PDB file of N, CA and C in Angstrom:
ATOM      1  N   MET A   1       0.774  -1.154   0.286  1.00  0.00           N
ATOM      2  CA  MET A   1      -0.019  -0.090   0.180  1.00  0.00           C
ATOM      3  C   MET A   1       0.736   1.062   0.006  1.00  0.00           C
ATOM      4  N   SER A   2       0.807   2.442  -0.878  1.00  0.00           N
ATOM      5  CA  SER A   2       1.923   3.529  -1.240  1.00  0.00           C
ATOM      6  C   SER A   2       0.570   4.626  -0.336  1.00  0.00           C
ATOM      7  N   GLU A   3       1.714   5.047   0.046  1.00  0.00           N
ATOM      8  CA  GLU A   3       0.930   6.335   1.025  1.00  0.00           C
ATOM      9  C   GLU A   3       0.925   7.665  -0.023  1.00  0.00           C
ATOM     10  N   ILE A   4       0.530   8.483   0.575  1.00  0.00           N
ATOM     11  CA  ILE A   4       0.366  10.117   0.208  1.00  0.00           C
ATOM     12  C   ILE A   4       1.174  11.062   0.339  1.00  0.00           C
ATOM     13  N   THR A   5       2.175  11.146  -0.971  1.00  0.00           N
ATOM     14  CA  THR A   5       2.990  12.760  -0.362  1.00  0.00           C
ATOM     15  C   THR A   5       2.460  13.966  -0.416  1.00  0.00           C
ATOM     16  N   ASP A   6       2.962  14.657   1.012  1.00  0.00           N
ATOM     17  CA  ASP A   6       2.903  16.016   1.246  1.00  0.00           C
ATOM     18  C   ASP A   6       2.191  16.707  -0.102  1.00  0.00           C
ATOM     19  N   GLY A   7       2.985  16.148  -1.472  1.00  0.00           N
ATOM     20  CA  GLY A   7       2.973  16.880  -2.858  1.00  0.00           C
ATOM     21  C   GLY A   7       1.938  16.526  -3.060  1.00  0.00           C
ATOM     22  N   GLU A   8       0.976  15.450  -2.826  1.00  0.00           N
ATOM     23  CA  GLU A   8      -0.241  14.788  -3.842  1.00  0.00           C
ATOM     24  C   GLU A   8      -1.136  15.115  -2.988  1.00  0.00           C
ATOM     25  N   ALA A   9      -1.590  15.426  -1.979  1.00  0.00           N
ATOM     26  CA  ALA A   9      -2.338  15.874  -1.088  1.00  0.00           C
ATOM     27  C   ALA A   9      -2.746  17.314  -1.466  1.00  0.00           C
ATOM     28  N   GLN A  10      -1.416  17.902  -1.395  1.00  0.00           N
ATOM     29  CA  GLN A  10      -1.705  19.621  -2.080  1.00  0.00           C
ATOM     30  C   GLN A  10      -1.960  19.319  -3.189  1.00  0.00           C
ATOM     31  N   ALA A  11      -2.022  18.653  -4.318  1.00  0.00           N
ATOM     32  CA  ALA A  11      -2.503  18.717  -5.804  1.00  0.00           C
ATOM     33  C   ALA A  11      -4.460  18.065  -4.996  1.00  0.00           C
ATOM     34  N   ARG A  12      -4.253  16.995  -4.475  1.00  0.00           N
ATOM     35  CA  ARG A  12      -5.336  16.580  -4.496  1.00  0.00           C
ATOM     36  C   ARG A  12      -6.278  18.277  -3.727  1.00  0.00           C
ATOM     37  N   GLU A  13      -6.107  18.641  -2.895  1.00  0.00           N
ATOM     38  CA  GLU A  13      -6.725  19.699  -2.800  1.00  0.00           C
ATOM     39  C   GLU A  13      -6.972  20.907  -3.668  1.00  0.00           C
ATOM     40  N   GLU A  14      -5.914  21.097  -4.543  1.00  0.00           N
ATOM     41  CA  GLU A  14      -5.688  22.241  -5.200  1.00  0.00           C
ATOM     42  C   GLU A  14      -7.048  22.034  -6.656  1.00  0.00           C
ATOM     43  N   GLN A  15      -6.288  20.811  -6.985  1.00  0.00           N
ATOM     44  CA  GLN A  15      -7.992  20.120  -7.716  1.00  0.00           C
ATOM     45  C   GLN A  15      -9.136  20.152  -7.591  1.00  0.00           C
ATOM     46  N   ALA A  16      -9.332  19.639  -6.275  1.00  0.00           N
ATOM     47  CA  ALA A  16     -11.358  20.000  -5.435  1.00  0.00           C
ATOM     48  C   ALA A  16     -11.721  21.574  -5.506  1.00  0.00           C
ATOM     49  N   LYS A  17     -10.468  22.382  -4.993  1.00  0.00           N
ATOM     50  CA  LYS A  17     -11.096  23.738  -4.744  1.00  0.00           C
ATOM     51  C   LYS A  17     -11.149  24.107  -6.663  1.00  0.00           C
ATOM     52  N   ASN A  18     -11.014  23.625  -7.173  1.00  0.00           N
ATOM     53  CA  ASN A  18     -11.109  24.223  -8.868  1.00  0.00           C
ATOM     54  C   ASN A  18     -12.393  23.058  -9.573  1.00  0.00           C
ATOM     55  N   SER A  19     -12.674  22.526  -8.695  1.00  0.00           N
ATOM     56  CA  SER A  19     -14.085  21.119  -8.713  1.00  0.00           C
ATOM     57  C   SER A  19     -14.682  22.368  -9.429  1.00  0.00           C
ATOM     58  N   SER A  20     -15.893  21.471  -9.943  1.00  0.00           N
ATOM     59  CA  SER A  20     -17.190  22.452 -10.545  1.00  0.00           C
ATOM     60  C   SER A  20     -18.513  22.893  -9.482  1.00  0.00           C
ATOM     61  N   GLN A  21     -18.670  21.558  -8.484  1.00  0.00           N
ATOM     62  CA  GLN A  21     -19.191  21.545  -7.250  1.00  0.00           C
ATOM     63  C   GLN A  21     -18.754  23.105  -6.543  1.00  0.00           C
ATOM     64  N   VAL A  22     -17.583  22.765  -6.247  1.00  0.00           N
ATOM     65  CA  VAL A  22     -16.493  24.311  -5.392  1.00  0.00           C
ATOM     66  C   VAL A  22     -17.291  25.724  -5.996  1.00  0.00           C
ATOM     67  N   GLN A  23     -16.997  25.519  -7.581  1.00  0.00           N
ATOM     68  CA  GLN A  23     -16.959  27.130  -8.388  1.00  0.00           C
ATOM     69  C   GLN A  23     -18.641  27.265  -8.663  1.00  0.00           C
ATOM     70  N   LYS A  24     -19.765  26.374  -8.184  1.00  0.00           N
ATOM     71  CA  LYS A  24     -20.985  26.826  -8.352  1.00  0.00           C
ATOM     72  C   LYS A  24     -21.232  27.274  -6.675  1.00  0.00           C
ATOM     73  N   LEU A  25     -20.097  27.133  -5.587  1.00  0.00           N
ATOM     74  CA  LEU A  25     -20.987  27.738  -4.309  1.00  0.00           C
ATOM     75  C   LEU A  25     -20.539  28.569  -4.083  1.00  0.00           C
ATOM     76  N   ARG A  26     -19.617  29.086  -4.944  1.00  0.00           N
ATOM     77  CA  ARG A  26     -18.682  30.363  -4.404  1.00  0.00           C
ATOM     78  C   ARG A  26     -19.282  31.764  -4.989  1.00  0.00           C
ATOM     79  N   TRP A  27     -20.651  31.395  -5.534  1.00  0.00           N
ATOM     80  CA  TRP A  27     -21.421  32.833  -4.994  1.00  0.00           C
ATOM     81  C   TRP A  27     -21.419  33.173  -3.508  1.00  0.00           C
ATOM     82  N   ILE A  28     -21.236  32.707  -2.373  1.00  0.00           N
ATOM     83  CA  ILE A  28     -21.621  32.737  -1.567  1.00  0.00           C
ATOM     84  C   ILE A  28     -20.686  33.845  -0.895  1.00  0.00           C
ATOM     85  N   GLU A  29     -19.291  34.215  -1.685  1.00  0.00           N
ATOM     86  CA  GLU A  29     -18.357  35.039  -1.570  1.00  0.00           C
ATOM     87  C   GLU A  29     -18.971  35.684  -1.737  1.00  0.00           C
ATOM     88  N   ARG A  30     -19.603  36.687  -2.707  1.00  0.00           N
ATOM     89  CA  ARG A  30     -19.817  38.057  -2.641  1.00  0.00           C
ATOM     90  C   ARG A  30     -21.148  38.346  -2.794  1.00  0.00           C
ATOM     91  N   THR A  31     -21.922  37.779  -1.323  1.00  0.00           N
ATOM     92  CA  THR A  31     -23.176  38.153  -1.158  1.00  0.00           C
ATOM     93  C   THR A  31     -23.051  39.179   0.199  1.00  0.00           C
ATOM     94  N   ASP A  32     -24.099  39.670   0.159  1.00  0.00           N
ATOM     95  CA  ASP A  32     -24.204  40.482   1.457  1.00  0.00           C
ATOM     96  C   ASP A  32     -25.948  40.320   2.005  1.00  0.00           C
ATOM     97  N   VAL A  33     -25.931  39.728   2.625  1.00  0.00           N
ATOM     98  CA  VAL A  33     -27.215  39.150   3.777  1.00  0.00           C
ATOM     99  C   VAL A  33     -28.264  40.122   3.687  1.00  0.00           C
ATOM    100  N   ILE A  34     -27.881  41.345   3.723  1.00  0.00           N
ATOM    101  CA  ILE A  34     -28.734  42.238   4.484  1.00  0.00           C
ATOM    102  C   ILE A  34     -29.035  43.149   3.261  1.00  0.00           C
ATOM    103  N   ALA A  35     -28.184  43.445   2.165  1.00  0.00           N
ATOM    104  CA  ALA A  35     -28.505  43.755   1.088  1.00  0.00           C
ATOM    105  C   ALA A  35     -29.356  43.062   0.141  1.00  0.00           C
ATOM    106  N   ASP A  36     -29.344  41.765  -0.041  1.00  0.00           N
ATOM    107  CA  ASP A  36     -29.794  41.248  -0.932  1.00  0.00           C
ATOM    108  C   ASP A  36     -30.883  41.148  -0.331  1.00  0.00           C
ATOM    109  N   PHE A  37     -31.544  40.929   1.199  1.00  0.00           N
ATOM    110  CA  PHE A  37     -33.077  41.475   2.147  1.00  0.00           C
ATOM    111  C   PHE A  37     -33.874  42.238   1.742  1.00  0.00           C
ATOM    112  N   ARG A  38     -33.220  43.543   1.481  1.00  0.00           N
ATOM    113  CA  ARG A  38     -33.019  44.528   1.057  1.00  0.00           C
ATOM    114  C   ARG A  38     -33.788  44.978  -0.461  1.00  0.00           C
ATOM    115  N   GLN A  39     -32.800  44.164  -1.300  1.00  0.00           N
ATOM    116  CA  GLN A  39     -33.289  44.100  -2.815  1.00  0.00           C
ATOM    117  C   GLN A  39     -34.545  43.032  -3.382  1.00  0.00           C
ATOM    118  N   TYR A  40     -34.726  41.691  -2.389  1.00  0.00           N
ATOM    119  CA  TYR A  40     -35.791  41.113  -2.857  1.00  0.00           C
ATOM    120  C   TYR A  40     -36.824  41.406  -1.804  1.00  0.00           C
ATOM    121  N   VAL A  41     -36.675  41.483  -0.853  1.00  0.00           N
ATOM    122  CA  VAL A  41     -37.903  42.094   0.233  1.00  0.00           C
ATOM    123  C   VAL A  41     -38.436  43.547  -0.014  1.00  0.00           C
ATOM    124  N   GLU A  42     -37.643  44.135   0.631  1.00  0.00           N
ATOM    125  CA  GLU A  42     -38.095  45.525   1.147  1.00  0.00           C
ATOM    126  C   GLU A  42     -38.309  46.309  -0.843  1.00  0.00           C
ATOM    127  N   GLN A  43     -37.300  45.912  -1.552  1.00  0.00           N
ATOM    128  CA  GLN A  43     -37.858  46.287  -2.840  1.00  0.00           C
ATOM    129  C   GLN A  43     -38.170  45.927  -4.458  1.00  0.00           C
ATOM    130  N   GLU A  44     -38.773  44.596  -4.330  1.00  0.00           N
ATOM    131  CA  GLU A  44     -38.889  43.381  -4.835  1.00  0.00           C
ATOM    132  C   GLU A  44     -40.094  43.302  -4.292  1.00  0.00           C
ATOM    133  N   HIS A  45     -40.816  43.408  -3.269  1.00  0.00           N
ATOM    134  CA  HIS A  45     -41.585  42.871  -2.229  1.00  0.00           C
ATOM    135  C   HIS A  45     -41.763  40.974  -3.040  1.00  0.00           C
ATOM    136  N   ASP A  46     -40.811  40.575  -2.504  1.00  0.00           N
ATOM    137  CA  ASP A  46     -40.274  39.201  -2.916  1.00  0.00           C
ATOM    138  C   ASP A  46     -40.298  38.493  -0.912  1.00  0.00           C
ATOM    139  N   PHE A  47     -41.430  37.728  -1.022  1.00  0.00           N
ATOM    140  CA  PHE A  47     -41.177  37.251   0.140  1.00  0.00           C
ATOM    141  C   PHE A  47     -41.225  35.603   0.582  1.00  0.00           C
ATOM    142  N   ARG A  48     -40.363  35.236  -0.722  1.00  0.00           N
ATOM    143  CA  ARG A  48     -39.846  33.943  -0.083  1.00  0.00           C
ATOM    144  C   ARG A  48     -39.521  33.640   0.417  1.00  0.00           C
ATOM    145  N   PHE A  49     -39.085  32.297   0.862  1.00  0.00           N
ATOM    146  CA  PHE A  49     -38.174  32.013   1.790  1.00  0.00           C
ATOM    147  C   PHE A  49     -36.945  31.122   1.233  1.00  0.00           C
ATOM    148  N   LEU A  50     -35.908  30.981   1.706  1.00  0.00           N
ATOM    149  CA  LEU A  50     -35.186  30.485   0.927  1.00  0.00           C
ATOM    150  C   LEU A  50     -34.776  29.051   1.730  1.00  0.00           C
ATOM    151  N   SER A  51     -34.484  27.784   0.367  1.00  0.00           N
ATOM    152  CA  SER A  51     -34.670  26.481   0.958  1.00  0.00           C
ATOM    153  C   SER A  51     -32.970  25.662   0.343  1.00  0.00           C
ATOM    154  N   GLN A  52     -32.444  24.980   0.948  1.00  0.00           N
ATOM    155  CA  GLN A  52     -31.725  23.727   0.615  1.00  0.00           C
ATOM    156  C   GLN A  52     -32.260  22.895   0.121  1.00  0.00           C
ATOM    157  N   TYR A  53     -31.913  22.197  -0.558  1.00  0.00           N
ATOM    158  CA  TYR A  53     -32.484  20.406  -0.956  1.00  0.00           C
ATOM    159  C   TYR A  53     -31.175  19.590  -1.168  1.00  0.00           C
ATOM    160  N   GLY A  54     -31.472  18.514  -0.867  1.00  0.00           N
ATOM    161  CA  GLY A  54     -30.374  17.521  -1.267  1.00  0.00           C
ATOM    162  C   GLY A  54     -29.588  17.819   0.369  1.00  0.00           C
ATOM    163  N   LEU A  55     -29.773  18.307   1.136  1.00  0.00           N
ATOM    164  CA  LEU A  55     -29.118  17.755   2.182  1.00  0.00           C
ATOM    165  C   LEU A  55     -29.697  16.476   3.387  1.00  0.00           C
ATOM    166  N   SER A  56     -29.083  15.778   3.624  1.00  0.00           N
ATOM    167  CA  SER A  56     -29.491  14.642   4.552  1.00  0.00           C
ATOM    168  C   SER A  56     -29.526  15.140   5.843  1.00  0.00           C
ATOM    169  N   PHE A  57     -28.680  16.292   6.179  1.00  0.00           N
ATOM    170  CA  PHE A  57     -28.845  16.550   7.711  1.00  0.00           C
ATOM    171  C   PHE A  57     -29.372  18.578   7.520  1.00  0.00           C
ATOM    172  N   GLY A  58     -30.130  18.488   8.797  1.00  0.00           N
ATOM    173  CA  GLY A  58     -30.570  20.151   9.097  1.00  0.00           C
ATOM    174  C   GLY A  58     -32.181  19.407   8.431  1.00  0.00           C
ATOM    175  N   THR A  59     -32.544  21.453   8.249  1.00  0.00           N
ATOM    176  CA  THR A  59     -33.786  21.280   7.643  1.00  0.00           C
ATOM    177  C   THR A  59     -34.121  21.710   6.364  1.00  0.00           C
ATOM    178  N   GLU A  60     -35.095  21.975   5.192  1.00  0.00           N
ATOM    179  CA  GLU A  60     -35.019  22.217   4.166  1.00  0.00           C
ATOM    180  C   GLU A  60     -35.254  24.046   4.035  1.00  0.00           C
ATOM    181  N   PHE A  61     -35.565  24.277   5.379  1.00  0.00           N
ATOM    182  CA  PHE A  61     -35.606  26.053   5.605  1.00  0.00           C
ATOM    183  C   PHE A  61     -34.388  26.357   6.596  1.00  0.00           C
ATOM    184  N   PRO A  62     -33.474  26.611   6.324  1.00  0.00           N
ATOM    185  CA  PRO A  62     -32.544  26.965   7.455  1.00  0.00           C
ATOM    186  C   PRO A  62     -32.472  27.761   8.519  1.00  0.00           C
ATOM    187  N   GLY A  63     -32.387  27.740   9.536  1.00  0.00           N
ATOM    188  CA  GLY A  63     -32.595  28.431  10.766  1.00  0.00           C
ATOM    189  C   GLY A  63     -34.728  28.275  11.525  1.00  0.00           C
ATOM    190  N   LEU A  64     -35.424  27.995  10.495  1.00  0.00           N
ATOM    191  CA  LEU A  64     -36.878  27.704  10.718  1.00  0.00           C
ATOM    192  C   LEU A  64     -37.243  26.454  11.401  1.00  0.00           C
ATOM    193  N   ALA A  65     -38.213  26.713  12.386  1.00  0.00           N
ATOM    194  CA  ALA A  65     -38.593  25.101  12.798  1.00  0.00           C
ATOM    195  C   ALA A  65     -39.856  24.902  12.352  1.00  0.00           C
ATOM    196  N   ASP A  66     -39.447  23.479  11.747  1.00  0.00           N
ATOM    197  CA  ASP A  66     -41.006  22.662  11.015  1.00  0.00           C
ATOM    198  C   ASP A  66     -42.170  22.674  11.875  1.00  0.00           C
ATOM    199  N   THR A  67     -42.628  23.587  11.766  1.00  0.00           N
ATOM    200  CA  THR A  67     -44.366  23.865  12.232  1.00  0.00           C
ATOM    201  C   THR A  67     -44.902  23.902  11.358  1.00  0.00           C
ATOM    202  N   SER A  68     -46.202  24.012  11.995  1.00  0.00           N
ATOM    203  CA  SER A  68     -47.600  24.450  11.023  1.00  0.00           C
ATOM    204  C   SER A  68     -47.606  25.954  10.160  1.00  0.00           C
ATOM    205  N   ASP A  69     -47.299  26.748  11.599  1.00  0.00           N
ATOM    206  CA  ASP A  69     -47.616  27.489  11.173  1.00  0.00           C
ATOM    207  C   ASP A  69     -46.625  28.488  10.361  1.00  0.00           C
ATOM    208  N   PHE A  70     -45.039  27.830  10.561  1.00  0.00           N
ATOM    209  CA  PHE A  70     -44.529  27.748   9.058  1.00  0.00           C
ATOM    210  C   PHE A  70     -44.781  27.261   8.313  1.00  0.00           C
ATOM    211  N   GLN A  71     -45.358  26.105   8.179  1.00  0.00           N
ATOM    212  CA  GLN A  71     -45.981  25.660   6.703  1.00  0.00           C
ATOM    213  C   GLN A  71     -46.756  26.407   6.276  1.00  0.00           C
ATOM    214  N   GLN A  72     -47.534  27.445   7.096  1.00  0.00           N
ATOM    215  CA  GLN A  72     -48.576  28.323   6.209  1.00  0.00           C
ATOM    216  C   GLN A  72     -48.455  29.165   5.324  1.00  0.00           C
ATOM    217  N   LEU A  73     -46.781  29.415   6.072  1.00  0.00           N
ATOM    218  CA  LEU A  73     -46.119  30.732   5.933  1.00  0.00           C
ATOM    219  C   LEU A  73     -45.631  30.250   4.662  1.00  0.00           C
ATOM    220  N   VAL A  74     -45.223  29.178   4.353  1.00  0.00           N
ATOM    221  CA  VAL A  74     -44.538  29.000   3.176  1.00  0.00           C
ATOM    222  C   VAL A  74     -45.271  28.847   1.987  1.00  0.00           C
ATOM    223  N   GLN A  75     -46.606  28.166   2.312  1.00  0.00           N
ATOM    224  CA  GLN A  75     -47.506  27.803   1.349  1.00  0.00           C
ATOM    225  C   GLN A  75     -48.223  29.519   0.880  1.00  0.00           C
ATOM    226  N   LYS A  76     -47.985  30.234   1.502  1.00  0.00           N
ATOM    227  CA  LYS A  76     -48.457  31.757   0.810  1.00  0.00           C
ATOM    228  C   LYS A  76     -47.709  32.518   0.134  1.00  0.00           C
ATOM    229  N   TYR A  77     -45.914  32.205   1.085  1.00  0.00           N
ATOM    230  CA  TYR A  77     -45.493  33.045   0.155  1.00  0.00           C
ATOM    231  C   TYR A  77     -43.810  32.391  -1.087  1.00  0.00           C
ATOM    232  N   GLY A  78     -44.059  31.318  -0.632  1.00  0.00           N
ATOM    233  CA  GLY A  78     -43.138  29.756  -1.496  1.00  0.00           C
ATOM    234  C   GLY A  78     -42.302  30.210  -0.868  1.00  0.00           C
ATOM    235  N   SER A  79     -41.179  29.715  -1.689  1.00  0.00           N
ATOM    236  CA  SER A  79     -39.431  29.663  -1.319  1.00  0.00           C
ATOM    237  C   SER A  79     -38.642  29.633  -3.135  1.00  0.00           C
ATOM    238  N   ARG A  80     -37.948  29.701  -2.601  1.00  0.00           N
ATOM    239  CA  ARG A  80     -36.675  30.229  -3.398  1.00  0.00           C
ATOM    240  C   ARG A  80     -35.216  29.267  -3.165  1.00  0.00           C
ATOM    241  N   ARG A  81     -34.718  28.611  -3.960  1.00  0.00           N
ATOM    242  CA  ARG A  81     -33.713  27.249  -3.781  1.00  0.00           C
ATOM    243  C   ARG A  81     -33.003  27.808  -4.519  1.00  0.00           C
ATOM    244  N   LEU A  82     -31.718  27.967  -3.428  1.00  0.00           N
ATOM    245  CA  LEU A  82     -30.230  28.270  -3.259  1.00  0.00           C
ATOM    246  C   LEU A  82     -29.509  27.437  -3.843  1.00  0.00           C
ATOM    247  N   GLU A  83     -28.234  27.783  -4.301  1.00  0.00           N
ATOM    248  CA  GLU A  83     -27.483  26.875  -4.924  1.00  0.00           C
ATOM    249  C   GLU A  83     -26.627  26.236  -3.808  1.00  0.00           C
ATOM    250  N   SER A  84     -26.567  25.251  -3.495  1.00  0.00           N
ATOM    251  CA  SER A  84     -26.049  25.017  -2.252  1.00  0.00           C
ATOM    252  C   SER A  84     -25.658  23.177  -2.218  1.00  0.00           C
ATOM    253  N   GLY A  85     -25.145  23.107  -3.400  1.00  0.00           N
ATOM    254  CA  GLY A  85     -24.947  21.865  -3.495  1.00  0.00           C
ATOM    255  C   GLY A  85     -25.349  20.265  -2.664  1.00  0.00           C
ATOM    256  N   SER A  86     -24.574  19.514  -2.294  1.00  0.00           N
ATOM    257  CA  SER A  86     -25.009  18.071  -1.514  1.00  0.00           C
ATOM    258  C   SER A  86     -24.030  18.028  -0.107  1.00  0.00           C
ATOM    259  N   ASP A  87     -24.121  17.330   0.296  1.00  0.00           N
ATOM    260  CA  ASP A  87     -24.154  16.961   1.545  1.00  0.00           C
ATOM    261  C   ASP A  87     -22.357  16.095   1.427  1.00  0.00           C
ATOM    262  N   VAL A  88     -22.139  15.651   0.735  1.00  0.00           N
ATOM    263  CA  VAL A  88     -21.070  14.752   0.551  1.00  0.00           C
ATOM    264  C   VAL A  88     -20.072  15.857  -0.477  1.00  0.00           C
ATOM    265  N   PHE A  89     -18.920  15.546   0.307  1.00  0.00           N
ATOM    266  CA  PHE A  89     -18.083  17.162   0.189  1.00  0.00           C
ATOM    267  C   PHE A  89     -16.642  16.653  -0.353  1.00  0.00           C
ATOM    268  N   SER A  90     -16.571  17.180  -1.229  1.00  0.00           N
ATOM    269  CA  SER A  90     -15.003  16.737  -2.224  1.00  0.00           C
ATOM    270  C   SER A  90     -13.672  17.136  -1.193  1.00  0.00           C
ATOM    271  N   SER A  91     -13.861  18.333  -0.067  1.00  0.00           N
ATOM    272  CA  SER A  91     -12.583  18.757   0.323  1.00  0.00           C
ATOM    273  C   SER A  91     -13.406  20.321   1.303  1.00  0.00           C
ATOM    274  N   ALA A  92     -12.428  20.444   2.000  1.00  0.00           N
ATOM    275  CA  ALA A  92     -12.681  21.161   3.129  1.00  0.00           C
ATOM    276  C   ALA A  92     -13.324  22.794   2.249  1.00  0.00           C
ATOM    277  N   GLU A  93     -12.793  23.437   1.867  1.00  0.00           N
ATOM    278  CA  GLU A  93     -13.140  24.559   1.198  1.00  0.00           C
ATOM    279  C   GLU A  93     -14.792  24.006   0.719  1.00  0.00           C
ATOM    280  N   GLU A  94     -15.118  23.460   0.211  1.00  0.00           N
ATOM    281  CA  GLU A  94     -16.460  23.278   0.155  1.00  0.00           C
ATOM    282  C   GLU A  94     -17.286  22.976   1.129  1.00  0.00           C
ATOM    283  N   MET A  95     -17.066  22.277   2.266  1.00  0.00           N
ATOM    284  CA  MET A  95     -17.653  22.238   3.484  1.00  0.00           C
ATOM    285  C   MET A  95     -17.852  23.215   3.748  1.00  0.00           C
ATOM    286  N   HIS A  96     -16.617  24.386   4.015  1.00  0.00           N
ATOM    287  CA  HIS A  96     -16.659  25.682   4.225  1.00  0.00           C
ATOM    288  C   HIS A  96     -18.124  26.629   3.693  1.00  0.00           C
ATOM    289  N   LEU A  97     -17.424  25.987   2.293  1.00  0.00           N
ATOM    290  CA  LEU A  97     -18.593  27.319   1.381  1.00  0.00           C
ATOM    291  C   LEU A  97     -20.161  26.971   1.827  1.00  0.00           C
ATOM    292  N   GLN A  98     -20.656  25.295   2.186  1.00  0.00           N
ATOM    293  CA  GLN A  98     -21.559  25.048   1.760  1.00  0.00           C
ATOM    294  C   GLN A  98     -22.181  25.744   3.729  1.00  0.00           C
ATOM    295  N   GLN A  99     -21.430  25.635   4.583  1.00  0.00           N
ATOM    296  CA  GLN A  99     -22.116  26.122   5.490  1.00  0.00           C
ATOM    297  C   GLN A  99     -21.949  27.854   5.928  1.00  0.00           C
ATOM    298  N   GLU A 100     -21.212  28.461   4.965  1.00  0.00           N
ATOM    299  CA  GLU A 100     -21.555  29.911   5.250  1.00  0.00           C
ATOM    300  C   GLU A 100     -23.173  29.788   4.350  1.00  0.00           C
ATOM    301  N   ILE A 101     -23.020  29.184   3.320  1.00  0.00           N
ATOM    302  CA  ILE A 101     -24.557  29.083   2.900  1.00  0.00           C
ATOM    303  C   ILE A 101     -25.638  29.195   3.943  1.00  0.00           C
ATOM    304  N   THR A 102     -25.803  27.578   4.354  1.00  0.00           N
ATOM    305  CA  THR A 102     -26.382  27.987   5.860  1.00  0.00           C
ATOM    306  C   THR A 102     -26.447  29.033   6.208  1.00  0.00           C
ATOM    307  N   ASP A 103     -25.647  29.328   6.817  1.00  0.00           N
ATOM    308  CA  ASP A 103     -25.674  30.364   7.827  1.00  0.00           C
ATOM    309  C   ASP A 103     -26.029  31.220   6.910  1.00  0.00           C
ATOM    310  N   TYR A 104     -26.014  31.716   5.781  1.00  0.00           N
ATOM    311  CA  TYR A 104     -26.656  33.210   4.804  1.00  0.00           C
ATOM    312  C   TYR A 104     -28.627  32.732   4.864  1.00  0.00           C
ATOM    313  N   ALA A 105     -28.541  31.333   4.775  1.00  0.00           N
ATOM    314  CA  ALA A 105     -30.045  31.330   4.719  1.00  0.00           C
ATOM    315  C   ALA A 105     -30.857  31.282   5.749  1.00  0.00           C
ATOM    316  N   THR A 106     -29.681  30.586   6.529  1.00  0.00           N
ATOM    317  CA  THR A 106     -30.719  31.302   8.420  1.00  0.00           C
ATOM    318  C   THR A 106     -30.856  32.672   8.626  1.00  0.00           C
ATOM    319  N   ARG A 107     -29.766  33.343   8.043  1.00  0.00           N
ATOM    320  CA  ARG A 107     -29.864  34.779   8.702  1.00  0.00           C
ATOM    321  C   ARG A 107     -31.321  35.583   7.727  1.00  0.00           C
ATOM    322  N   TYR A 108     -30.989  35.304   6.471  1.00  0.00           N
ATOM    323  CA  TYR A 108     -32.278  35.593   5.698  1.00  0.00           C
ATOM    324  C   TYR A 108     -33.672  35.339   6.222  1.00  0.00           C
ATOM    325  N   ASN A 109     -34.103  33.402   6.366  1.00  0.00           N
ATOM    326  CA  ASN A 109     -34.790  33.397   6.609  1.00  0.00           C
ATOM    327  C   ASN A 109     -35.750  34.101   8.201  1.00  0.00           C
ATOM    328  N   ALA A 110     -34.405  34.466   9.248  1.00  0.00           N
ATOM    329  CA  ALA A 110     -34.884  34.740  10.094  1.00  0.00           C
ATOM    330  C   ALA A 110     -35.734  36.321  10.035  1.00  0.00           C
ATOM    331  N   MET A 111     -34.400  37.177   9.471  1.00  0.00           N
ATOM    332  CA  MET A 111     -34.979  38.474   8.986  1.00  0.00           C
ATOM    333  C   MET A 111     -36.443  38.287   8.133  1.00  0.00           C
ATOM    334  N   LEU A 112     -36.470  37.397   7.166  1.00  0.00           N
ATOM    335  CA  LEU A 112     -38.047  37.549   6.320  1.00  0.00           C
ATOM    336  C   LEU A 112     -39.236  37.110   7.773  1.00  0.00           C
ATOM    337  N   VAL A 113     -39.079  36.469   8.787  1.00  0.00           N
ATOM    338  CA  VAL A 113     -39.859  35.788   9.494  1.00  0.00           C
ATOM    339  C   VAL A 113     -39.910  37.057  10.691  1.00  0.00           C
ATOM    340  N   GLY A 114     -39.228  38.288  11.157  1.00  0.00           N
ATOM    341  CA  GLY A 114     -39.146  39.033  11.813  1.00  0.00           C
ATOM    342  C   GLY A 114     -40.190  40.295  11.085  1.00  0.00           C
ATOM    343  N   TYR A 115     -39.538  40.055   9.428  1.00  0.00           N
ATOM    344  CA  TYR A 115     -40.175  41.552   8.597  1.00  0.00           C
ATOM    345  C   TYR A 115     -41.813  41.143   8.676  1.00  0.00           C
ATOM    346  N   LEU A 116     -42.196  39.737   8.681  1.00  0.00           N
ATOM    347  CA  LEU A 116     -43.767  39.707   7.920  1.00  0.00           C
ATOM    348  C   LEU A 116     -44.303  39.436   9.033  1.00  0.00           C
ATOM    349  N   GLU A 117     -43.632  39.227  10.312  1.00  0.00           N
ATOM    350  CA  GLU A 117     -44.587  39.696  11.587  1.00  0.00           C
ATOM    351  C   GLU A 117     -44.882  41.668  11.639  1.00  0.00           C
ATOM    352  N   HIS A 118     -43.990  41.682  12.181  1.00  0.00           N
ATOM    353  CA  HIS A 118     -44.105  43.463  12.294  1.00  0.00           C
ATOM    354  C   HIS A 118     -44.882  44.255  10.506  1.00  0.00           C
ATOM    355  N   GLU A 119     -44.968  43.362   9.833  1.00  0.00           N
ATOM    356  CA  GLU A 119     -46.300  43.999   8.798  1.00  0.00           C
ATOM    357  C   GLU A 119     -47.307  43.671   8.900  1.00  0.00           C
ATOM    358  N   LYS A 120     -47.872  42.325   9.949  1.00  0.00           N
ATOM    359  CA  LYS A 120     -49.106  41.811  10.249  1.00  0.00           C
ATOM    360  C   LYS A 120     -49.953  43.217  11.028  1.00  0.00           C
TER     361      LYS A 120
END
């Protein structure tokens, strides 16, 4: 059995960084949750909740409990799916980007719930 050298490990990590999946997730590095919230909710009146599909852990709607009240809000306002990959990671960077996307969606959805409650 051969061992992987440091150079081979670095080459594999570099290849993973440039994978198409990692490239798809890099959108999160160019976003600002507050600016996006203002654009979609306050300016465009788009009250859809952010969702993440394809993950076996967590919830489809980060930051929100799976309750009947929330389900009614989703039925009323709908949802918008984020490009968030899957729960099979090819690199530490991919795992990090996925966590940033989940954090972004959690903040956005919490702000949206607060906004909708205030607007009642």
